[in-house]
Amino acid sequence: MKHQELVRKDRIKCKCLRELSSVEVMEASYHKQSFSRHTHECYAFGVITGGRLDFIYQHKNWQANPGDINLVVPGEVHDGHGAMGGGWSYKMLYMPVEILREVNFEITGTDSLPYFLHGVISHNYLGNSFQSLHKILLSDEATFLQKDSMLRQWLTSFITMYSEPKTNFLSKRRQEDKAVRLTIDYLNEHYMNKISLKDLAVVAGLSSYYLLHVFKDVVGMPPHLYQQQLRVWKAKQLIAKKNSLAAISNEIGFADQSHFSRQFKKVIGLTPAQYQKMF
C-alpha cells in the first residue's frame, strides 16, 4: 500500500532559465492535480509522456494523448485534468511573448504575436524534437548558444506550420462591451481587496446576474476566478524577487498562507514553495 501511494504522488521538476528570457522548463507527473479555469501571460507548449490530459480551450474539449503536443496562447481560458480520474505526465515550456514575437517577425516581417487555434497537435517530428529541446534546456553541459538556437529553430518550425491570424481574447467577441472592460479594469486595480459582486455591478452599471453572464461569456471565466488569477500572477512576480511567502500571501489578499498555496497550485500546478525553488 505504501508503495502504491508513493507511485501516485505528484512529481514536479521545474527550472527558470533567466539567461533565456526566463523561459520556464517543467516536467510533471500528476495524479491528483486539477487545474481551474485560468489564462497565461505567456505561451505554454508541452508534450504528453503518459496518461491523457483533458482540457477546455477555445470553447472546445480537447484530449491529449502520449506524443501529442498540447498548447495554449496568452489570454485564452483553459483548464486541465487527467482523463476519467486518472493522471497524466508531460514536459512543458512556458515561453514569454517576446520570444515568439521575435521569431514571428523573422518569419513574417510583421511585429505581431502568432496565434494557434488548435489545443492539441499530433506531429511526430515536432513532438520528438520538442522533447530533445526540453532535455537540452535542462542540461548543465549545453551552451547558451545551443539552447537559444534549438529553441528558436523549434519555434520557427511550429509557427510556420501552425500559426493562424492573431486574435485577442478580450476583443474577438464583444469589443464594444464597455461594462466588461470597466469590470476588468476595476479588478486589475483592486484584485488584492475584498470585492463583492455588487461592487462590480455598480462599476459595470449592470445587474449582478447579467454581469455574471456577460463577463463569463466574454472572458471565459467568472469574475472571482479572474480575481484569483490576478493574485496568482502578482504572486509569481513577487516570488521571483525572493520576497517571503507569508508577506506575499498577505500583500495579494489571501486570508492565510494555506489558502494562498492551494489557489496558486490550481493555476500554476506548483505550490508557491516549489515555484520559489526555480529562482
Protein backbone atom coordinates (compact mmCIF):
# COMPACT_ATOMS: atom_id res chain seq x y z
CA MET A 1 0.00 0.00 0.00
CA LYS A 2 2.80 2.42 0.89
CA HIS A 3 4.49 1.68 -2.42
CA GLN A 4 1.26 2.38 -4.34
CA GLU A 5 0.79 5.69 -2.55
CA LEU A 6 4.34 6.68 -3.41
CA VAL A 7 3.84 5.87 -7.09
CA ARG A 8 0.70 8.01 -7.24
CA LYS A 9 2.28 11.05 -5.65
CA ASP A 10 2.52 14.13 -7.88
CA ARG A 11 6.07 14.71 -9.06
CA ILE A 12 7.25 18.03 -10.45
CA LYS A 13 10.62 19.30 -11.63
CA CYS A 14 10.99 22.88 -12.79
CA LYS A 15 13.65 25.42 -13.69
CA CYS A 16 13.61 29.05 -14.74
CA LEU A 17 16.19 29.96 -17.41
CA ARG A 18 16.81 33.60 -16.63
CA GLU A 19 19.54 33.81 -19.28
CA LEU A 20 16.98 32.73 -21.88
CA SER A 21 14.35 35.42 -21.26
CA SER A 22 13.09 33.49 -18.20
CA VAL A 23 11.70 30.53 -20.11
CA GLU A 24 10.25 28.12 -17.55
CA VAL A 25 11.02 24.43 -18.08
CA MET A 26 8.84 21.90 -16.28
CA GLU A 27 8.39 18.15 -16.17
CA ALA A 28 5.44 16.85 -14.18
CA SER A 29 3.55 13.68 -13.38
CA TYR A 30 0.14 14.46 -11.92
CA HIS A 31 -2.30 12.09 -10.27
CA LYS A 32 -4.39 14.43 -8.15
CA GLN A 33 -3.97 17.78 -9.91
CA SER A 34 -6.94 19.53 -11.49
CA PHE A 35 -6.32 22.98 -12.94
CA SER A 36 -9.10 25.52 -12.51
CA ARG A 37 -10.00 27.75 -15.43
CA HIS A 38 -7.26 30.30 -15.96
CA THR A 39 -5.13 32.02 -18.58
CA HIS A 40 -1.41 32.58 -19.03
CA GLU A 41 0.54 35.73 -19.77
CA CYS A 42 2.93 33.54 -21.74
CA TYR A 43 2.75 30.75 -24.32
CA ALA A 44 2.59 27.20 -22.97
CA PHE A 45 3.79 24.24 -25.05
CA GLY A 46 4.05 20.65 -23.92
CA VAL A 47 4.24 17.02 -24.97
CA ILE A 48 2.28 14.31 -23.20
CA THR A 49 4.54 11.50 -22.00
CA GLY A 50 1.96 9.35 -20.20
CA GLY A 51 -1.75 9.10 -19.44
CA ARG A 52 -4.20 11.52 -21.05
CA LEU A 53 -4.77 15.22 -20.44
CA ASP A 54 -8.30 16.55 -20.98
CA PHE A 55 -8.87 20.28 -21.12
CA ILE A 56 -11.13 23.03 -22.40
CA TYR A 57 -9.58 25.54 -24.80
CA GLN A 58 -11.17 27.83 -27.38
CA HIS A 59 -14.58 26.69 -26.03
CA LYS A 60 -13.82 23.14 -27.18
CA ASN A 61 -12.97 19.91 -25.35
CA TRP A 62 -9.52 18.56 -26.17
CA GLN A 63 -7.81 15.25 -25.43
CA ALA A 64 -4.03 14.98 -25.48
CA ASN A 65 -2.51 11.50 -25.59
CA PRO A 66 1.14 10.38 -25.33
CA GLY A 67 3.20 12.00 -28.07
CA ASP A 68 0.68 14.79 -28.67
CA ILE A 69 1.65 18.44 -28.38
CA ASN A 70 -0.65 20.43 -26.10
CA LEU A 71 -0.58 24.22 -26.09
CA VAL A 72 -2.34 27.43 -25.13
CA VAL A 73 -1.73 31.02 -26.17
CA PRO A 74 -1.68 34.03 -23.85
CA GLY A 75 -5.10 35.16 -22.70
CA GLU A 76 -7.07 32.07 -23.75
CA VAL A 77 -9.03 30.46 -20.93
CA HIS A 78 -8.39 26.77 -20.30
CA ASP A 79 -8.39 24.17 -17.55
CA GLY A 80 -6.81 20.72 -17.27
CA HIS A 81 -7.24 17.33 -15.62
CA GLY A 82 -6.48 13.67 -16.15
CA ALA A 83 -8.93 11.61 -18.17
CA MET A 84 -11.60 9.71 -16.21
CA GLY A 85 -9.99 10.45 -12.88
CA GLY A 86 -6.60 9.16 -13.97
CA GLY A 87 -3.32 11.01 -14.11
CA TRP A 88 -1.04 12.27 -16.82
CA SER A 89 2.56 13.32 -17.29
CA TYR A 90 4.07 15.89 -19.62
CA LYS A 91 7.05 18.06 -20.41
CA MET A 92 6.23 21.76 -20.62
CA LEU A 93 7.84 25.01 -21.72
CA TYR A 94 6.36 28.36 -20.69
CA MET A 95 7.69 31.00 -23.07
CA PRO A 96 7.45 34.78 -22.72
CA VAL A 97 5.66 36.53 -25.56
CA GLU A 98 8.79 38.46 -26.51
CA ILE A 99 10.49 35.32 -27.82
CA LEU A 100 7.59 34.36 -30.06
CA ARG A 101 7.22 37.93 -31.27
CA GLU A 102 10.88 37.96 -32.33
CA VAL A 103 10.67 34.59 -34.10
CA ASN A 104 7.40 35.51 -35.79
CA PHE A 105 8.96 38.77 -37.03
CA GLU A 106 11.85 36.84 -38.55
CA ILE A 107 9.37 34.61 -40.39
CA THR A 108 6.71 37.09 -41.46
CA GLY A 109 8.30 40.53 -41.14
CA THR A 110 5.34 41.66 -39.02
CA ASP A 111 5.55 42.84 -35.43
CA SER A 112 2.78 40.62 -34.08
CA LEU A 113 2.25 37.55 -31.94
CA PRO A 114 1.50 34.19 -33.58
CA TYR A 115 -1.84 32.62 -32.76
CA PHE A 116 -2.66 28.91 -32.56
CA LEU A 117 -6.25 27.79 -32.80
CA HIS A 118 -5.79 24.09 -32.01
CA GLY A 119 -5.12 22.96 -28.45
CA VAL A 120 -3.74 19.55 -29.45
CA ILE A 121 -1.47 18.77 -32.39
CA SER A 122 -0.19 15.34 -33.41
CA HIS A 123 3.10 15.61 -35.28
CA ASN A 124 5.84 13.04 -34.72
CA TYR A 125 8.78 15.20 -35.76
CA LEU A 126 7.73 18.28 -33.78
CA GLY A 127 6.82 16.17 -30.77
CA ASN A 128 10.14 14.32 -30.75
CA SER A 129 12.18 17.47 -31.40
CA PHE A 130 10.33 19.22 -28.58
CA GLN A 131 11.45 16.53 -26.15
CA SER A 132 15.02 16.87 -27.39
CA LEU A 133 14.78 20.64 -26.89
CA HIS A 134 13.38 20.14 -23.40
CA LYS A 135 16.32 17.89 -22.49
CA ILE A 136 18.88 20.37 -23.80
CA LEU A 137 17.31 23.27 -21.92
CA LEU A 138 17.69 21.35 -18.67
CA SER A 139 21.26 20.31 -19.40
CA ASP A 140 24.08 21.97 -17.47
CA GLU A 141 26.54 20.98 -20.20
CA ALA A 142 24.72 22.59 -23.13
CA THR A 143 25.93 26.09 -24.03
CA PHE A 144 23.67 29.12 -24.12
CA LEU A 145 24.14 29.29 -27.90
CA GLN A 146 22.94 25.69 -28.29
CA LYS A 147 19.88 26.28 -26.11
CA ASP A 148 18.97 29.53 -27.83
CA SER A 149 19.48 28.05 -31.30
CA MET A 150 17.42 24.91 -30.67
CA LEU A 151 14.59 26.88 -29.07
CA ARG A 152 14.32 29.30 -31.97
CA GLN A 153 14.64 26.51 -34.53
CA TRP A 154 11.74 24.59 -32.97
CA LEU A 155 9.58 27.70 -32.71
CA THR A 156 10.29 28.59 -36.33
CA SER A 157 9.09 25.19 -37.49
CA PHE A 158 6.00 25.25 -35.28
CA ILE A 159 4.96 28.81 -36.16
CA THR A 160 5.49 28.21 -39.88
CA MET A 161 3.26 25.13 -39.82
CA TYR A 162 0.51 26.06 -37.38
CA SER A 163 0.17 29.80 -36.74
CA GLU A 164 -3.12 31.50 -37.64
CA PRO A 165 -4.29 35.13 -37.75
CA LYS A 166 -3.88 36.79 -34.38
CA THR A 167 -6.91 37.27 -32.16
CA ASN A 168 -7.38 38.75 -28.71
CA PHE A 169 -9.47 37.09 -26.02
CA LEU A 170 -10.92 40.39 -24.82
CA SER A 171 -11.71 41.86 -28.23
CA LYS A 172 -12.63 38.99 -30.52
CA ARG A 173 -16.23 38.63 -29.30
CA ARG A 174 -17.54 41.84 -27.72
CA GLN A 175 -15.05 44.61 -28.06
CA GLU A 176 -17.86 47.11 -27.71
CA ASP A 177 -18.88 45.78 -24.31
CA LYS A 178 -17.90 48.67 -22.07
CA ALA A 179 -19.28 47.02 -18.94
CA VAL A 180 -16.85 44.12 -19.12
CA ARG A 181 -13.90 46.41 -19.80
CA LEU A 182 -14.79 48.54 -16.79
CA THR A 183 -15.08 45.43 -14.61
CA ILE A 184 -11.71 44.11 -15.74
CA ASP A 185 -10.06 47.48 -15.13
CA TYR A 186 -11.52 47.58 -11.63
CA LEU A 187 -10.36 44.04 -10.85
CA ASN A 188 -6.89 44.78 -12.18
CA GLU A 189 -6.62 47.73 -9.80
CA HIS A 190 -8.28 46.21 -6.73
CA TYR A 191 -7.51 42.48 -7.06
CA MET A 192 -5.97 42.34 -3.57
CA ASN A 193 -9.11 43.70 -1.88
CA LYS A 194 -12.30 42.02 -0.73
CA ILE A 195 -14.70 42.68 -3.62
CA SER A 196 -18.40 41.83 -3.78
CA LEU A 197 -20.40 41.11 -6.91
CA LYS A 198 -22.48 44.16 -6.00
CA ASP A 199 -19.34 46.29 -6.13
CA LEU A 200 -18.62 45.07 -9.64
CA ALA A 201 -22.23 45.51 -10.73
CA VAL A 202 -22.10 49.17 -9.66
CA VAL A 203 -18.87 49.68 -11.62
CA ALA A 204 -20.29 47.98 -14.71
CA GLY A 205 -23.72 49.58 -14.48
CA LEU A 206 -25.42 46.20 -14.83
CA SER A 207 -27.41 43.90 -12.59
CA SER A 208 -25.35 41.32 -10.71
CA TYR A 209 -26.96 38.46 -12.60
CA TYR A 210 -26.41 39.99 -16.03
CA LEU A 211 -22.83 40.97 -15.24
CA LEU A 212 -22.01 37.37 -14.31
CA HIS A 213 -23.47 36.16 -17.60
CA VAL A 214 -21.76 38.75 -19.79
CA PHE A 215 -18.38 38.58 -18.04
CA LYS A 216 -18.16 34.80 -18.31
CA ASP A 217 -19.27 34.89 -21.94
CA VAL A 218 -16.60 37.43 -22.91
CA VAL A 219 -13.68 36.48 -20.67
CA GLY A 220 -14.34 32.76 -20.37
CA MET A 221 -14.41 32.63 -16.56
CA PRO A 222 -16.45 34.30 -13.79
CA PRO A 223 -15.12 37.41 -12.01
CA HIS A 224 -13.98 35.54 -8.89
CA LEU A 225 -11.69 33.25 -10.90
CA TYR A 226 -10.33 36.24 -12.79
CA GLN A 227 -9.51 37.94 -9.49
CA GLN A 228 -7.86 34.75 -8.21
CA GLN A 229 -5.75 34.56 -11.35
CA LEU A 230 -4.63 38.18 -10.98
CA ARG A 231 -3.47 37.41 -7.45
CA VAL A 232 -1.51 34.39 -8.64
CA TRP A 233 0.13 36.40 -11.44
CA LYS A 234 1.20 39.05 -8.95
CA ALA A 235 2.46 36.35 -6.59
CA LYS A 236 4.67 34.92 -9.35
CA GLN A 237 6.29 38.33 -9.83
CA LEU A 238 6.89 38.76 -6.11
CA ILE A 239 8.26 35.23 -5.68
CA ALA A 240 10.75 35.86 -8.49
CA LYS A 241 12.02 38.82 -6.47
CA LYS A 242 12.60 36.49 -3.50
CA ASN A 243 10.01 38.01 -1.19
CA SER A 244 8.82 35.87 1.72
CA LEU A 245 5.77 33.70 1.00
CA ALA A 246 3.97 34.85 4.15
CA ALA A 247 4.41 38.50 3.16
CA ILE A 248 3.26 37.77 -0.40
CA SER A 249 0.15 35.95 0.81
CA ASN A 250 -0.82 38.95 2.90
CA GLU A 251 0.01 41.52 0.23
CA ILE A 252 -2.09 39.96 -2.53
CA GLY A 253 -5.15 39.48 -0.33
CA PHE A 254 -5.31 35.83 0.75
CA ALA A 255 -6.74 35.07 4.17
CA ASP A 256 -3.86 32.78 5.09
CA GLN A 257 -0.83 31.09 3.56
CA SER A 258 -2.59 27.72 3.26
CA HIS A 259 -5.34 29.22 1.11
CA PHE A 260 -2.72 31.03 -0.95
CA SER A 261 -0.85 27.77 -1.57
CA ARG A 262 -3.98 25.88 -2.68
CA GLN A 263 -5.13 28.58 -5.09
CA PHE A 264 -1.64 29.04 -6.53
CA LYS A 265 -1.35 25.32 -7.28
CA LYS A 266 -4.75 25.28 -9.01
CA VAL A 267 -3.44 27.76 -11.56
CA ILE A 268 0.30 27.06 -11.80
CA GLY A 269 0.45 23.36 -10.93
CA LEU A 270 3.12 24.05 -8.30
CA THR A 271 2.92 25.24 -4.73
CA PRO A 272 4.44 28.68 -4.06
CA ALA A 273 7.35 26.97 -2.31
CA GLN A 274 8.01 24.71 -5.31
CA TYR A 275 7.83 27.69 -7.66
CA GLN A 276 10.20 29.66 -5.44
CA LYS A 277 12.86 26.94 -5.79
CA MET A 278 13.08 27.77 -9.51
CA PHE A 279 14.74 31.06 -8.58
